[in-house]
Amino acid sequence: MGGQYLSMKSWAEEDRPREKMLQKGVSMLSTNELLAILLRSGSDHESALDLSRRILKDCHDDLNQLALLCQDSRLKENLFY
C-alpha cells in the first residue's frame, strides 16, 4: 500500500462496501468488498478493504486457502504486520 491512508468514512458513500451492498445488493460486490464487510474494520494504517485485498492476495485469491488459514492458529500472526 502506498501513499496516504484515507479512512473509508472519508470515501463517497457509494464506494463504501456496506453502503454499496445496501444500495445495489450483495451480487454487486467483489470478494474483496464482501470480506471487508466481514472484517468490519481495518487498522490505523489500512482500511478494511485494503486489509481484505492483502489477505486475499496472500491466499492467491483462493477462498479455500483462506478457509484453511482461518483454521490455523497462525492467522492472527499473518494478518497484521
Protein backbone atom coordinates (compact mmCIF):
# COMPACT_ATOMS: atom_id res chain seq x y z
CA MET A 1 0.00 0.00 0.00
CA GLY A 2 1.47 3.35 -0.87
CA GLY A 3 0.55 6.95 -0.41
CA GLN A 4 -1.66 8.48 2.20
CA TYR A 5 -4.16 6.32 4.07
CA LEU A 6 -7.78 7.50 3.87
CA SER A 7 -10.36 6.12 6.25
CA MET A 8 -13.38 4.59 4.50
CA LYS A 9 -15.51 7.12 6.40
CA SER A 10 -14.00 9.78 4.13
CA TRP A 11 -14.94 7.85 0.95
CA ALA A 12 -18.03 8.65 -1.07
CA GLU A 13 -20.95 6.68 0.37
CA GLU A 14 -21.50 4.71 -2.86
CA ASP A 15 -17.86 3.50 -2.71
CA ARG A 16 -18.13 2.01 0.79
CA PRO A 17 -18.74 -1.76 0.70
CA ARG A 18 -21.54 -1.88 3.29
CA GLU A 19 -23.44 1.02 1.75
CA LYS A 20 -22.91 -0.39 -1.74
CA MET A 21 -24.38 -3.69 -0.57
CA LEU A 22 -27.43 -1.95 0.88
CA GLN A 23 -27.98 0.15 -2.25
CA LYS A 24 -27.17 -2.35 -5.00
CA GLY A 25 -27.31 -5.79 -3.40
CA VAL A 26 -24.77 -8.43 -2.44
CA SER A 27 -24.37 -9.68 -6.01
CA MET A 28 -22.79 -6.35 -7.00
CA LEU A 29 -19.90 -6.69 -4.52
CA SER A 30 -16.48 -8.14 -5.18
CA THR A 31 -14.98 -10.82 -2.96
CA ASN A 32 -12.71 -8.12 -1.52
CA GLU A 33 -15.70 -5.99 -0.58
CA LEU A 34 -17.56 -8.93 0.99
CA LEU A 35 -14.51 -9.84 3.08
CA ALA A 36 -14.12 -6.20 4.12
CA ILE A 37 -17.68 -6.23 5.43
CA LEU A 38 -16.94 -9.38 7.43
CA LEU A 39 -13.75 -7.83 8.83
CA ARG A 40 -15.72 -4.70 9.83
CA SER A 41 -12.61 -2.56 10.34
CA GLY A 42 -9.03 -2.21 9.27
CA SER A 43 -6.13 -0.87 11.26
CA ASP A 44 -4.54 2.50 11.86
CA HIS A 45 -2.68 2.10 8.56
CA GLU A 46 -5.15 0.44 6.20
CA SER A 47 -8.87 0.23 5.61
CA ALA A 48 -10.86 -2.98 5.93
CA LEU A 49 -10.94 -3.09 2.12
CA ASP A 50 -7.15 -2.75 1.86
CA LEU A 51 -6.77 -5.44 4.52
CA SER A 52 -9.14 -7.75 2.66
CA ARG A 53 -7.20 -7.20 -0.57
CA ARG A 54 -3.95 -8.06 1.20
CA ILE A 55 -5.41 -11.17 2.82
CA LEU A 56 -6.79 -12.45 -0.48
CA LYS A 57 -3.55 -11.65 -2.30
CA ASP A 58 -1.61 -13.60 0.35
CA CYS A 59 -4.00 -16.53 -0.30
CA HIS A 60 -3.59 -16.16 -4.08
CA ASP A 61 -7.29 -15.18 -4.30
CA ASP A 62 -8.18 -18.72 -3.24
CA LEU A 63 -11.01 -18.83 -0.71
CA ASN A 64 -10.23 -22.47 0.06
CA GLN A 65 -6.72 -21.46 1.09
CA LEU A 66 -8.19 -18.65 3.20
CA ALA A 67 -10.51 -21.14 4.91
CA LEU A 68 -7.54 -23.38 5.73
CA LEU A 69 -5.61 -20.38 7.05
CA CYS A 70 -8.57 -19.42 9.24
CA GLN A 71 -8.36 -22.84 10.89
CA ASP A 72 -4.68 -22.31 11.54
CA SER A 73 -3.73 -20.66 14.83
CA ARG A 74 -1.14 -18.56 12.97
CA LEU A 75 -3.86 -16.50 11.23
CA LYS A 76 -3.57 -13.52 13.56
CA GLU A 77 0.21 -13.51 13.17
CA ASN A 78 -0.11 -13.27 9.40
CA LEU A 79 -2.85 -10.64 9.22
CA PHE A 80 -1.17 -7.74 10.96
CA TYR A 81 2.44 -6.88 10.39
